């Protein structure tokens, strides 16, 4: 059994990205999924001065160890004003101080989910472009626009998007084997 992390890159208690990351991870075969919530890994706002004063916070060290112990990551990015959330960027900043190879060359299924029609296209591009510089091995990516219209009663109801997602899940699944 492969170990998978499902992460919605938002600190919203009702994160559609966390919900969708978990939904996708649960479609993987022969895996054990751990869904992570950024609210469980709160960190002070990163600054070099603070790092000197307090060192690396335990929550960052713990999150880094979870990445080390997993076989793959299903990451769904939230987009606030076209950018990654402050909570995600702050975690990323702290993790990069532990090791520049933040994602430790783990296979990643990178997604973005949005209530709007562009499906988090900006944040998906930003993070996809950054991943190779920080040990992120993006196997494939997927964007889900108009979340309330396309995801209902706990499932993706748009047949075309479901077919596309299924193909992406299969690619990611193959990378785990």
C-alpha atoms as a PDB file:
ATOM      1  CA  UNK A   1       0.000   0.000   0.000  1.00  0.00           C
ATOM      2  CA  UNK A   2       1.268   3.429  -0.977  1.00  0.00           C
ATOM      3  CA  UNK A   3       0.923   6.382   1.383  1.00  0.00           C
ATOM      4  CA  UNK A   4      -0.669   9.516  -0.052  1.00  0.00           C
ATOM      5  CA  UNK A   5      -1.054  13.013   1.344  1.00  0.00           C
ATOM      6  CA  UNK A   6      -4.146  14.953   0.255  1.00  0.00           C
ATOM      7  CA  UNK A   7      -3.764  18.693   0.825  1.00  0.00           C
ATOM      8  CA  UNK A   8      -6.017  21.605  -0.004  1.00  0.00           C
ATOM      9  CA  UNK A   9      -3.758  24.666   0.050  1.00  0.00           C
ATOM     10  CA  UNK A  10      -6.175  26.843   1.985  1.00  0.00           C
ATOM     11  CA  UNK A  11      -6.816  27.517   5.641  1.00  0.00           C
ATOM     12  CA  UNK A  12     -10.559  27.855   5.115  1.00  0.00           C
ATOM     13  CA  UNK A  13     -12.451  25.523   7.444  1.00  0.00           C
ATOM     14  CA  UNK A  14     -14.757  24.706   4.512  1.00  0.00           C
ATOM     15  CA  UNK A  15     -12.041  24.478   1.874  1.00  0.00           C
ATOM     16  CA  UNK A  16     -13.325  23.198  -1.453  1.00  0.00           C
ATOM     17  CA  UNK A  17      -9.707  22.414  -2.331  1.00  0.00           C
ATOM     18  CA  UNK A  18      -9.269  20.162   0.702  1.00  0.00           C
ATOM     19  CA  UNK A  19     -12.593  18.485  -0.113  1.00  0.00           C
ATOM     20  CA  UNK A  20     -11.560  17.935  -3.733  1.00  0.00           C
ATOM     21  CA  UNK A  21      -8.022  16.738  -2.902  1.00  0.00           C
ATOM     22  CA  UNK A  22      -9.546  14.133  -0.583  1.00  0.00           C
ATOM     23  CA  UNK A  23     -12.119  13.138  -3.218  1.00  0.00           C
ATOM     24  CA  UNK A  24      -9.381  12.614  -5.805  1.00  0.00           C
ATOM     25  CA  UNK A  25      -7.045  10.760  -3.430  1.00  0.00           C
ATOM     26  CA  UNK A  26      -9.872   8.386  -2.554  1.00  0.00           C
ATOM     27  CA  UNK A  27     -10.016   7.351  -6.231  1.00  0.00           C
ATOM     28  CA  UNK A  28      -6.483   5.973  -6.070  1.00  0.00           C
ATOM     29  CA  UNK A  29      -6.062   2.224  -5.725  1.00  0.00           C
ATOM     30  CA  UNK A  30      -3.904   0.448  -3.145  1.00  0.00           C
ATOM     31  CA  UNK A  31      -3.265   3.625  -1.181  1.00  0.00           C
ATOM     32  CA  UNK A  32      -3.709   4.938   2.323  1.00  0.00           C
ATOM     33  CA  UNK A  33      -4.641   8.616   2.294  1.00  0.00           C
ATOM     34  CA  UNK A  34      -3.870  11.134   5.011  1.00  0.00           C
ATOM     35  CA  UNK A  35      -5.754  14.378   4.517  1.00  0.00           C
ATOM     36  CA  UNK A  36      -3.838  17.323   5.922  1.00  0.00           C
ATOM     37  CA  UNK A  37      -5.419  20.575   7.053  1.00  0.00           C
ATOM     38  CA  UNK A  38      -3.284  23.722   7.040  1.00  0.00           C
ATOM     39  CA  UNK A  39      -5.100  24.796  10.218  1.00  0.00           C
ATOM     40  CA  UNK A  40      -3.300  21.977  12.028  1.00  0.00           C
ATOM     41  CA  UNK A  41       0.072  23.449  11.007  1.00  0.00           C
ATOM     42  CA  UNK A  42      -0.207  27.109  11.923  1.00  0.00           C
ATOM     43  CA  UNK A  43       3.081  28.949  11.818  1.00  0.00           C
ATOM     44  CA  UNK A  44       4.300  32.439  12.603  1.00  0.00           C
ATOM     45  CA  UNK A  45       4.782  34.648   9.563  1.00  0.00           C
ATOM     46  CA  UNK A  46       8.181  33.745   8.152  1.00  0.00           C
ATOM     47  CA  UNK A  47      11.027  36.223   8.401  1.00  0.00           C
ATOM     48  CA  UNK A  48      14.797  35.621   8.467  1.00  0.00           C
ATOM     49  CA  UNK A  49      15.001  37.492  11.792  1.00  0.00           C
ATOM     50  CA  UNK A  50      12.348  35.279  13.357  1.00  0.00           C
ATOM     51  CA  UNK A  51      14.128  32.183  12.082  1.00  0.00           C
ATOM     52  CA  UNK A  52      17.300  33.327  13.865  1.00  0.00           C
ATOM     53  CA  UNK A  53      15.331  34.094  17.051  1.00  0.00           C
ATOM     54  CA  UNK A  54      13.205  30.934  17.309  1.00  0.00           C
ATOM     55  CA  UNK A  55      14.602  28.440  14.782  1.00  0.00           C
ATOM     56  CA  UNK A  56      12.331  26.254  12.682  1.00  0.00           C
ATOM     57  CA  UNK A  57       8.898  25.795  14.324  1.00  0.00           C
ATOM     58  CA  UNK A  58       7.802  22.270  15.252  1.00  0.00           C
ATOM     59  CA  UNK A  59       4.792  22.420  12.904  1.00  0.00           C
ATOM     60  CA  UNK A  60       7.106  22.986   9.928  1.00  0.00           C
ATOM     61  CA  UNK A  61       9.367  20.120  11.021  1.00  0.00           C
ATOM     62  CA  UNK A  62       6.344  17.841  11.485  1.00  0.00           C
ATOM     63  CA  UNK A  63       4.953  18.741   8.047  1.00  0.00           C
ATOM     64  CA  UNK A  64       8.347  18.093   6.462  1.00  0.00           C
ATOM     65  CA  UNK A  65       8.441  14.650   8.100  1.00  0.00           C
ATOM     66  CA  UNK A  66       4.989  13.874   6.674  1.00  0.00           C
ATOM     67  CA  UNK A  67       6.273  14.671   3.187  1.00  0.00           C
ATOM     68  CA  UNK A  68       9.267  12.406   3.827  1.00  0.00           C
ATOM     69  CA  UNK A  69       7.038   9.520   4.863  1.00  0.00           C
ATOM     70  CA  UNK A  70       4.668   9.673   1.883  1.00  0.00           C
ATOM     71  CA  UNK A  71       4.825   8.126  -1.572  1.00  0.00           C
ATOM     72  CA  UNK A  72       2.844  10.845  -3.350  1.00  0.00           C
ATOM     73  CA  UNK A  73       0.951  14.088  -2.915  1.00  0.00           C
ATOM     74  CA  UNK A  74      -2.461  15.169  -4.179  1.00  0.00           C
ATOM     75  CA  UNK A  75      -2.275  18.960  -3.897  1.00  0.00           C
ATOM     76  CA  UNK A  76      -5.189  21.233  -4.703  1.00  0.00           C
ATOM     77  CA  UNK A  77      -4.366  24.932  -4.765  1.00  0.00           C
ATOM     78  CA  UNK A  78      -6.775  27.635  -3.675  1.00  0.00           C
ATOM     79  CA  UNK A  79      -6.485  30.929  -5.517  1.00  0.00           C
ATOM     80  CA  UNK A  80      -6.897  34.236  -3.697  1.00  0.00           C
ATOM     81  CA  UNK A  81      -6.628  37.227  -6.026  1.00  0.00           C
ATOM     82  CA  UNK A  82      -4.775  35.113  -8.573  1.00  0.00           C
ATOM     83  CA  UNK A  83      -2.143  33.945  -6.078  1.00  0.00           C
ATOM     84  CA  UNK A  84      -1.575  31.054  -3.665  1.00  0.00           C
ATOM     85  CA  UNK A  85      -3.019  31.563  -0.203  1.00  0.00           C
ATOM     86  CA  UNK A  86      -0.881  33.285   2.421  1.00  0.00           C
ATOM     87  CA  UNK A  87      -1.158  30.207   4.667  1.00  0.00           C
ATOM     88  CA  UNK A  88       0.296  27.965   1.939  1.00  0.00           C
ATOM     89  CA  UNK A  89       3.073  30.389   1.002  1.00  0.00           C
ATOM     90  CA  UNK A  90       4.049  30.791   4.651  1.00  0.00           C
ATOM     91  CA  UNK A  91       4.238  27.014   5.148  1.00  0.00           C
ATOM     92  CA  UNK A  92       6.249  26.753   1.927  1.00  0.00           C
ATOM     93  CA  UNK A  93       8.656  29.465   3.148  1.00  0.00           C
ATOM     94  CA  UNK A  94       9.287  27.632   6.426  1.00  0.00           C
ATOM     95  CA  UNK A  95       9.670  24.264   4.664  1.00  0.00           C
ATOM     96  CA  UNK A  96      12.234  25.729   2.271  1.00  0.00           C
ATOM     97  CA  UNK A  97      14.362  26.706   5.267  1.00  0.00           C
ATOM     98  CA  UNK A  98      14.528  23.049   6.308  1.00  0.00           C
ATOM     99  CA  UNK A  99      15.443  21.895   2.809  1.00  0.00           C
ATOM    100  CA  UNK A 100      15.276  23.659  -0.568  1.00  0.00           C
ATOM    101  CA  UNK A 101      13.992  20.312  -1.902  1.00  0.00           C
ATOM    102  CA  UNK A 102      10.640  20.987  -0.210  1.00  0.00           C
ATOM    103  CA  UNK A 103       8.607  18.336  -2.037  1.00  0.00           C
ATOM    104  CA  UNK A 104      11.420  15.761  -1.869  1.00  0.00           C
ATOM    105  CA  UNK A 105      10.913  14.578  -5.462  1.00  0.00           C
ATOM    106  CA  UNK A 106       7.593  12.987  -4.559  1.00  0.00           C
ATOM    107  CA  UNK A 107       5.109  12.555  -7.428  1.00  0.00           C
ATOM    108  CA  UNK A 108       2.444  15.250  -7.302  1.00  0.00           C
ATOM    109  CA  UNK A 109      -1.013  15.467  -8.801  1.00  0.00           C
ATOM    110  CA  UNK A 110      -1.397  19.251  -8.887  1.00  0.00           C
ATOM    111  CA  UNK A 111      -4.868  20.738  -9.040  1.00  0.00           C
ATOM    112  CA  UNK A 112      -6.743  23.968  -8.558  1.00  0.00           C
ATOM    113  CA  UNK A 113     -10.404  24.313  -7.728  1.00  0.00           C
ATOM    114  CA  UNK A 114     -12.386  27.518  -7.896  1.00  0.00           C
ATOM    115  CA  UNK A 115     -15.981  28.681  -7.708  1.00  0.00           C
ATOM    116  CA  UNK A 116     -15.178  30.842 -10.755  1.00  0.00           C
ATOM    117  CA  UNK A 117     -15.008  29.907 -14.392  1.00  0.00           C
ATOM    118  CA  UNK A 118     -11.197  29.899 -14.701  1.00  0.00           C
ATOM    119  CA  UNK A 119     -10.666  27.114 -12.165  1.00  0.00           C
ATOM    120  CA  UNK A 120      -7.679  28.678 -10.436  1.00  0.00           C
ATOM    121  CA  UNK A 121      -5.711  28.881 -13.691  1.00  0.00           C
ATOM    122  CA  UNK A 122      -3.344  31.576 -12.389  1.00  0.00           C
ATOM    123  CA  UNK A 123      -2.319  29.750  -9.234  1.00  0.00           C
ATOM    124  CA  UNK A 124      -2.016  26.453 -11.076  1.00  0.00           C
ATOM    125  CA  UNK A 125       0.462  28.013 -13.514  1.00  0.00           C
ATOM    126  CA  UNK A 126       2.430  29.754 -10.755  1.00  0.00           C
ATOM    127  CA  UNK A 127       2.840  26.615  -8.648  1.00  0.00           C
ATOM    128  CA  UNK A 128       3.433  24.321 -11.630  1.00  0.00           C
ATOM    129  CA  UNK A 129       6.259  26.620 -12.792  1.00  0.00           C
ATOM    130  CA  UNK A 130       7.837  26.744  -9.295  1.00  0.00           C
ATOM    131  CA  UNK A 131       7.650  23.041  -8.438  1.00  0.00           C
ATOM    132  CA  UNK A 132      10.765  21.852 -10.318  1.00  0.00           C
ATOM    133  CA  UNK A 133      12.928  24.329  -8.393  1.00  0.00           C
ATOM    134  CA  UNK A 134      11.744  22.904  -5.063  1.00  0.00           C
ATOM    135  CA  UNK A 135      11.742  19.164  -5.642  1.00  0.00           C
ATOM    136  CA  UNK A 136       8.193  18.990  -6.955  1.00  0.00           C
ATOM    137  CA  UNK A 137       7.696  16.238  -9.501  1.00  0.00           C
ATOM    138  CA  UNK A 138       4.361  17.237 -11.044  1.00  0.00           C
ATOM    139  CA  UNK A 139       3.054  14.196 -12.893  1.00  0.00           C
ATOM    140  CA  UNK A 140      -0.032  15.947 -14.210  1.00  0.00           C
ATOM    141  CA  UNK A 141      -2.370  18.800 -13.349  1.00  0.00           C
ATOM    142  CA  UNK A 142      -6.094  19.425 -13.365  1.00  0.00           C
ATOM    143  CA  UNK A 143      -8.266  22.499 -13.043  1.00  0.00           C
ATOM    144  CA  UNK A 144     -11.863  22.394 -11.843  1.00  0.00           C
ATOM    145  CA  UNK A 145     -13.846  25.552 -12.629  1.00  0.00           C
ATOM    146  CA  UNK A 146     -17.298  26.463 -11.329  1.00  0.00           C
ATOM    147  CA  UNK A 147     -17.047  24.156  -8.335  1.00  0.00           C
ATOM    148  CA  UNK A 148     -20.666  24.556  -7.096  1.00  0.00           C
ATOM    149  CA  UNK A 149     -21.985  23.724 -10.580  1.00  0.00           C
ATOM    150  CA  UNK A 150     -19.618  20.825 -11.334  1.00  0.00           C
ATOM    151  CA  UNK A 151     -19.212  19.155  -7.937  1.00  0.00           C
ATOM    152  CA  UNK A 152     -22.441  18.177  -6.224  1.00  0.00           C
ATOM    153  CA  UNK A 153     -23.446  15.633  -3.605  1.00  0.00           C
ATOM    154  CA  UNK A 154     -19.824  14.681  -3.024  1.00  0.00           C
ATOM    155  CA  UNK A 155     -18.908  13.928  -6.618  1.00  0.00           C
ATOM    156  CA  UNK A 156     -17.880  15.460  -9.924  1.00  0.00           C
ATOM    157  CA  UNK A 157     -21.036  15.522 -12.043  1.00  0.00           C
ATOM    158  CA  UNK A 158     -19.667  17.041 -15.263  1.00  0.00           C
ATOM    159  CA  UNK A 159     -19.003  13.991 -17.456  1.00  0.00           C
ATOM    160  CA  UNK A 160     -16.317  15.622 -19.613  1.00  0.00           C
ATOM    161  CA  UNK A 161     -14.402  16.889 -16.577  1.00  0.00           C
ATOM    162  CA  UNK A 162     -14.824  13.527 -14.852  1.00  0.00           C
ATOM    163  CA  UNK A 163     -13.317  11.751 -17.865  1.00  0.00           C
ATOM    164  CA  UNK A 164     -10.394  14.188 -17.952  1.00  0.00           C
ATOM    165  CA  UNK A 165      -9.832  13.815 -14.210  1.00  0.00           C
ATOM    166  CA  UNK A 166      -9.972  10.018 -14.452  1.00  0.00           C
ATOM    167  CA  UNK A 167      -7.188  10.104 -17.041  1.00  0.00           C
ATOM    168  CA  UNK A 168      -5.097  12.347 -14.771  1.00  0.00           C
ATOM    169  CA  UNK A 169      -5.692  10.059 -11.793  1.00  0.00           C
ATOM    170  CA  UNK A 170      -4.555   7.089 -13.890  1.00  0.00           C
ATOM    171  CA  UNK A 171      -1.319   8.900 -14.855  1.00  0.00           C
ATOM    172  CA  UNK A 172      -0.651   9.723 -11.221  1.00  0.00           C
ATOM    173  CA  UNK A 173      -1.500   6.156 -10.168  1.00  0.00           C
ATOM    174  CA  UNK A 174       1.058   4.825 -12.666  1.00  0.00           C
ATOM    175  CA  UNK A 175       3.736   7.102 -11.187  1.00  0.00           C
ATOM    176  CA  UNK A 176       3.185   5.501  -7.784  1.00  0.00           C
ATOM    177  CA  UNK A 177       3.860   1.984  -9.065  1.00  0.00           C
END
